Amino acid sequence: MGSQKWVKTEVHRKITVPIEQLQRQGFQVFAAHCDEGGAMDYRDVDYTRPTALVLGAEKRGVSGPALDKVDGCVVVPMMGMSESYNVSVACAIILAEAQRQRAIAGLYRECRLPDEQYRQLLFEWCQPVIARFCRARDLAYPELDDTGHLVNPQQFSALANRS
């Protein structure tokens, strides 16, 4: 919940299109899928490489066309009577492993977004009401301090009253 503030989404009519685009960009693409004998343990993937994960519908899993395009399948091993985790749980388990590997590799030590994109996303997350106001009036976002508050709220208020 809330990741839509940081992650841009695109809708595709065919699942194969984004998989092929990501692979051309150098991503490894894995499907979380209980493949008979062909799936690897999710912990054996190197998530420090650019990686995309395809998750399927709760009952049907990943579609055939997607499975034909991915680089491989990963599975979260289970013990006991259940056959599989639900999609959100499997996703969380796999992403936690990806985050763990990436943290150990030092990939979170510095921001990897361009400064302007980072400032825009940070502003929209910290100040959603003011961000909507600025977008509606085609105004530049005012500067934020280190705590996410406006550096000069009086100046912005004066500008806003003129709009």
Protein backbone atom coordinates (compact mmCIF):
# COMPACT_ATOMS: atom_id res chain seq x y z
CA MET A 1 0.00 0.00 0.00
CA GLY A 2 1.44 3.35 -0.97
CA SER A 3 3.99 2.04 -3.49
CA GLN A 4 2.00 3.71 -6.29
CA LYS A 5 3.61 6.95 -5.06
CA TRP A 6 7.03 5.64 -6.08
CA VAL A 7 6.38 3.09 -8.79
CA LYS A 8 5.07 4.07 -12.19
CA THR A 9 2.83 1.47 -13.79
CA GLU A 10 2.03 0.64 -17.38
CA VAL A 11 -0.80 -1.52 -18.66
CA HIS A 12 -0.09 -3.95 -21.51
CA ARG A 13 -2.62 -5.97 -23.48
CA LYS A 14 -0.18 -8.86 -23.94
CA ILE A 15 2.08 -10.12 -21.12
CA THR A 16 4.80 -11.03 -23.60
CA VAL A 17 5.40 -7.38 -24.57
CA PRO A 18 6.76 -6.13 -21.22
CA ILE A 19 8.71 -9.36 -20.66
CA GLU A 20 10.49 -8.95 -24.00
CA GLN A 21 11.09 -5.21 -23.36
CA LEU A 22 12.66 -5.94 -19.97
CA GLN A 23 14.85 -8.70 -21.38
CA ARG A 24 16.10 -6.35 -24.15
CA GLN A 25 17.02 -3.89 -21.37
CA GLY A 26 19.14 -6.54 -19.64
CA PHE A 27 16.68 -7.74 -17.00
CA GLN A 28 16.41 -11.36 -16.00
CA VAL A 29 12.73 -12.24 -15.82
CA PHE A 30 11.48 -14.99 -13.53
CA ALA A 31 7.99 -16.34 -12.95
CA ALA A 32 6.91 -17.34 -9.47
CA HIS A 33 5.45 -20.64 -10.60
CA CYS A 34 5.34 -24.21 -9.34
CA ASP A 35 6.96 -25.72 -12.41
CA GLU A 36 7.21 -29.51 -12.22
CA GLY A 37 10.92 -30.00 -11.55
CA GLY A 38 12.05 -26.95 -13.51
CA ALA A 39 11.66 -24.21 -10.89
CA MET A 40 14.63 -23.08 -8.85
CA ASP A 41 14.55 -22.12 -5.18
CA TYR A 42 13.85 -18.37 -4.97
CA ARG A 43 16.96 -17.93 -2.77
CA ASP A 44 19.23 -19.16 -5.58
CA VAL A 45 18.51 -16.18 -7.84
CA ASP A 46 21.03 -13.31 -7.95
CA TYR A 47 18.73 -10.34 -7.25
CA THR A 48 21.63 -7.89 -7.39
CA ARG A 49 21.18 -8.07 -11.16
CA PRO A 50 18.27 -6.19 -12.75
CA THR A 51 15.39 -8.59 -12.14
CA ALA A 52 11.67 -8.68 -12.87
CA LEU A 53 9.23 -11.07 -11.26
CA VAL A 54 6.04 -12.29 -12.94
CA LEU A 55 3.26 -13.34 -10.59
CA GLY A 56 0.13 -15.12 -11.71
CA ALA A 57 -3.48 -15.20 -10.66
CA GLU A 58 -4.32 -16.95 -7.39
CA LYS A 59 -5.85 -20.13 -8.84
CA ARG A 60 -4.44 -20.29 -12.38
CA GLY A 61 -0.87 -19.09 -11.81
CA VAL A 62 1.29 -17.58 -14.55
CA SER A 63 -0.10 -17.86 -18.07
CA GLY A 64 1.38 -20.12 -20.73
CA PRO A 65 2.49 -17.22 -22.98
CA ALA A 66 4.35 -15.63 -20.04
CA LEU A 67 5.98 -18.94 -19.09
CA ASP A 68 7.19 -19.34 -22.68
CA LYS A 69 9.06 -16.00 -22.46
CA VAL A 70 10.54 -15.88 -18.94
CA ASP A 71 14.15 -16.85 -18.22
CA GLY A 72 13.08 -19.32 -15.57
CA CYS A 73 10.72 -20.11 -12.74
CA VAL A 74 11.24 -19.70 -9.02
CA VAL A 75 9.42 -21.41 -6.23
CA VAL A 76 9.12 -20.77 -2.51
CA PRO A 77 9.56 -24.21 -0.89
CA MET A 78 6.76 -25.22 1.47
CA MET A 79 6.43 -27.64 4.30
CA GLY A 80 3.22 -29.18 5.48
CA MET A 81 -0.13 -29.69 3.83
CA SER A 82 -0.50 -26.51 1.77
CA GLU A 83 0.40 -26.59 -1.90
CA SER A 84 1.31 -22.93 -2.33
CA TYR A 85 1.29 -19.51 -0.74
CA ASN A 86 -1.15 -16.92 -1.98
CA VAL A 87 0.26 -14.41 -4.46
CA SER A 88 0.82 -11.57 -2.00
CA VAL A 89 2.64 -13.81 0.50
CA ALA A 90 4.84 -15.42 -2.18
CA CYS A 91 5.65 -11.98 -3.56
CA ALA A 92 6.57 -10.65 -0.12
CA ILE A 93 8.84 -13.61 0.61
CA ILE A 94 10.67 -13.29 -2.72
CA LEU A 95 11.00 -9.50 -2.49
CA ALA A 96 12.34 -9.77 1.06
CA GLU A 97 15.10 -12.04 -0.25
CA ALA A 98 15.82 -9.63 -3.11
CA GLN A 99 16.03 -6.74 -0.62
CA ARG A 100 18.33 -8.75 1.67
CA GLN A 101 20.75 -9.57 -1.16
CA ARG A 102 20.71 -5.99 -2.47
CA ALA A 103 21.36 -4.55 1.01
CA ILE A 104 24.35 -6.87 1.55
CA ALA A 105 25.70 -5.79 -1.86
CA GLY A 106 25.42 -2.12 -0.84
CA LEU A 107 22.86 -1.21 -3.47
CA TYR A 108 20.90 0.98 -1.02
CA ARG A 109 23.81 3.09 0.21
CA GLU A 110 22.97 5.92 -2.13
CA CYS A 111 19.99 7.08 -4.14
CA ARG A 112 20.10 5.77 -7.70
CA LEU A 113 17.31 7.97 -9.04
CA PRO A 114 18.21 11.17 -10.90
CA ASP A 115 18.02 14.15 -8.48
CA GLU A 116 15.09 15.81 -10.23
CA GLN A 117 13.02 12.61 -10.31
CA TYR A 118 13.82 11.93 -6.64
CA ARG A 119 12.81 15.46 -5.59
CA GLN A 120 9.55 15.22 -7.57
CA LEU A 121 8.60 11.84 -6.07
CA LEU A 122 9.58 12.96 -2.58
CA PHE A 123 7.48 16.12 -2.88
CA GLU A 124 4.45 14.21 -4.17
CA TRP A 125 4.77 11.72 -1.30
CA CYS A 126 5.41 14.29 1.46
CA GLN A 127 3.01 16.98 0.22
CA PRO A 128 0.24 15.29 -1.83
CA VAL A 129 -2.30 18.14 -1.37
CA ILE A 130 0.15 20.85 -2.39
CA ALA A 131 1.41 18.66 -5.25
CA ARG A 132 -2.15 18.36 -6.64
CA PHE A 133 -2.63 22.12 -6.22
CA CYS A 134 0.61 22.85 -8.10
CA ARG A 135 -0.15 20.39 -10.93
CA ALA A 136 -3.66 21.83 -11.39
CA ARG A 137 -2.19 25.35 -11.75
CA ASP A 138 1.01 24.39 -13.57
CA LEU A 139 3.16 25.71 -10.69
CA ALA A 140 6.65 24.46 -9.83
CA TYR A 141 6.87 22.51 -6.60
CA PRO A 142 8.27 24.63 -3.76
CA GLU A 143 11.47 23.54 -2.03
CA LEU A 144 11.31 21.07 0.87
CA ASP A 145 13.55 20.87 3.91
CA ASP A 146 15.14 17.63 5.14
CA THR A 147 11.97 16.71 7.06
CA GLY A 148 9.66 17.05 4.02
CA HIS A 149 8.15 20.43 4.99
CA LEU A 150 8.09 23.56 2.87
CA VAL A 151 11.23 25.65 3.30
CA ASN A 152 9.29 28.89 2.87
CA PRO A 153 5.56 28.26 3.47
CA GLN A 154 4.70 31.99 3.56
CA GLN A 155 6.19 32.56 0.11
CA PHE A 156 4.24 29.61 -1.28
CA SER A 157 1.04 30.78 0.41
CA ALA A 158 1.41 34.22 -1.19
CA LEU A 159 2.01 32.61 -4.60
CA ALA A 160 -0.97 30.28 -4.13
CA ASN A 161 -3.28 33.16 -3.24
CA ARG A 162 -2.38 34.88 -6.52
CA SER A 163 -3.25 31.78 -8.56
